[in-house]
C-alpha atoms as a PDB file:
ATOM      1  CA  MET A   1     153.183  82.231 138.680  1.00  0.00           C
ATOM      2  CA  THR A   2     152.094  85.259 140.774  1.00  0.00           C
ATOM      3  CA  ARG A   3     149.269  87.200 139.348  1.00  0.00           C
ATOM      4  CA  SER A   4     149.689  90.895 139.248  1.00  0.00           C
ATOM      5  CA  ARG A   5     147.391  93.590 138.815  1.00  0.00           C
ATOM      6  CA  GLY A   6     146.442  95.745 135.688  1.00  0.00           C
ATOM      7  CA  LEU A   7     144.632  99.082 136.179  1.00  0.00           C
ATOM      8  CA  ILE A   8     142.653  98.019 139.112  1.00  0.00           C
ATOM      9  CA  THR A   9     143.905  96.713 142.524  1.00  0.00           C
ATOM     10  CA  PHE A  10     142.635  93.578 143.884  1.00  0.00           C
ATOM     11  CA  GLY A  11     140.585  95.487 146.621  1.00  0.00           C
ATOM     12  CA  GLU A  12     139.229  97.993 144.280  1.00  0.00           C
ATOM     13  CA  ARG A  13     138.062  95.065 141.873  1.00  0.00           C
ATOM     14  CA  ALA A  14     136.192  93.608 144.769  1.00  0.00           C
ATOM     15  CA  ARG A  15     134.663  96.831 145.931  1.00  0.00           C
ATOM     16  CA  ILE A  16     133.584  97.756 142.300  1.00  0.00           C
ATOM     17  CA  SER A  17     132.121  94.402 141.491  1.00  0.00           C
ATOM     18  CA  GLY A  18     130.306  94.080 144.710  1.00  0.00           C
ATOM     19  CA  GLU A  19     132.376  91.053 145.913  1.00  0.00           C
ATOM     20  CA  GLU A  20     133.303  92.893 149.050  1.00  0.00           C
ATOM     21  CA  ASP A  21     130.308  94.198 150.962  1.00  0.00           C
ATOM     22  CA  VAL A  22     131.410  97.809 151.897  1.00  0.00           C
ATOM     23  CA  GLU A  23     129.747 101.403 152.136  1.00  0.00           C
ATOM     24  CA  ASP A  24     128.871 103.207 148.960  1.00  0.00           C
ATOM     25  CA  SER A  25     131.536 105.650 149.985  1.00  0.00           C
ATOM     26  CA  LYS A  26     134.109 103.032 149.731  1.00  0.00           C
ATOM     27  CA  ARG A  27     132.769 101.983 146.296  1.00  0.00           C
ATOM     28  CA  TYR A  28     132.918 105.530 145.048  1.00  0.00           C
ATOM     29  CA  GLN A  29     136.485 106.011 146.288  1.00  0.00           C
ATOM     30  CA  ALA A  30     137.542 102.936 144.288  1.00  0.00           C
ATOM     31  CA  VAL A  31     135.873 104.043 141.198  1.00  0.00           C
ATOM     32  CA  SER A  32     137.350 107.631 141.641  1.00  0.00           C
ATOM     33  CA  ARG A  33     140.925 106.238 142.092  1.00  0.00           C
ATOM     34  CA  VAL A  34     140.442 104.006 138.880  1.00  0.00           C
ATOM     35  CA  ARG A  35     139.114 106.954 136.961  1.00  0.00           C
ATOM     36  CA  ARG A  36     142.114 109.269 138.057  1.00  0.00           C
ATOM     37  CA  ARG A  37     144.592 106.410 136.796  1.00  0.00           C
ATOM     38  CA  ILE A  38     142.758 106.303 133.357  1.00  0.00           C
ATOM     39  CA  ASN A  39     142.813 110.144 132.974  1.00  0.00           C
ATOM     40  CA  GLU A  40     146.263 110.730 134.373  1.00  0.00           C
ATOM     41  CA  GLU A  41     148.769 107.781 134.541  1.00  0.00           C
ATOM     42  CA  LEU A  42     147.377 105.708 131.576  1.00  0.00           C
ATOM     43  CA  THR A  43     147.596 108.761 129.309  1.00  0.00           C
ATOM     44  CA  GLU A  44     151.228 109.226 130.177  1.00  0.00           C
ATOM     45  CA  GLU A  45     151.963 105.517 129.576  1.00  0.00           C
ATOM     46  CA  VAL A  46     150.342 105.604 126.232  1.00  0.00           C
ATOM     47  CA  GLU A  47     152.323 108.424 125.267  1.00  0.00           C
ATOM     48  CA  LEU A  48     155.619 106.592 126.319  1.00  0.00           C
ATOM     49  CA  LEU A  49     154.648 103.390 124.405  1.00  0.00           C
ATOM     50  CA  GLU A  50     153.713 105.587 121.389  1.00  0.00           C
ATOM     51  CA  GLU A  51     157.157 106.972 121.400  1.00  0.00           C
ATOM     52  CA  HIS A  52     159.199 104.027 122.543  1.00  0.00           C
ATOM     53  CA  HIS A  53     157.443 100.780 121.919  1.00  0.00           C
ATOM     54  CA  PRO A  54     154.719 101.186 119.312  1.00  0.00           C
ATOM     55  CA  GLU A  55     154.326  97.380 119.142  1.00  0.00           C
ATOM     56  CA  LEU A  56     153.155  97.218 122.739  1.00  0.00           C
ATOM     57  CA  LEU A  57     150.846 100.075 122.225  1.00  0.00           C
ATOM     58  CA  GLU A  58     149.153  98.191 119.544  1.00  0.00           C
ATOM     59  CA  GLU A  59     148.657  95.372 121.698  1.00  0.00           C
ATOM     60  CA  LEU A  60     147.261  97.485 124.256  1.00  0.00           C
ATOM     61  CA  ARG A  61     144.720  98.954 121.678  1.00  0.00           C
ATOM     62  CA  ASP A  62     143.772  95.540 120.461  1.00  0.00           C
ATOM     63  CA  VAL A  63     142.668  94.526 124.047  1.00  0.00           C
ATOM     64  CA  VAL A  64     141.037  97.794 124.957  1.00  0.00           C
ATOM     65  CA  CYS A  65     139.188  98.246 121.703  1.00  0.00           C
ATOM     66  CA  GLU A  66     138.441  94.559 120.940  1.00  0.00           C
ATOM     67  CA  GLY A  67     134.559  95.244 121.508  1.00  0.00           C
ATOM     68  CA  ASP A  68     134.418  98.365 119.454  1.00  0.00           C
ATOM     69  CA  ALA A  69     134.762  96.519 116.136  1.00  0.00           C
ATOM     70  CA  ASP A  70     131.354  94.727 116.924  1.00  0.00           C
ATOM     71  CA  THR A  71     129.535  97.862 117.586  1.00  0.00           C
ATOM     72  CA  SER A  72     130.557  99.729 114.461  1.00  0.00           C
ATOM     73  CA  ASP A  73     127.938  98.107 112.172  1.00  0.00           C
END
């Protein structure tokens, strides 16, 4: 089965993680693109799921917010 990407492309993942040896400006650009997706596209997708498929939205929240339950104590 072919693996697909989520929020971050494979190239961005390599740049952000340091796997790929690139200039700081390339790493910054990767971070900037991901940040834009979080603030723009992801927001729209959450709204779409909220309206049309709340169960999927709950699955997304479970994954994204999984660590939050441990830090609330």
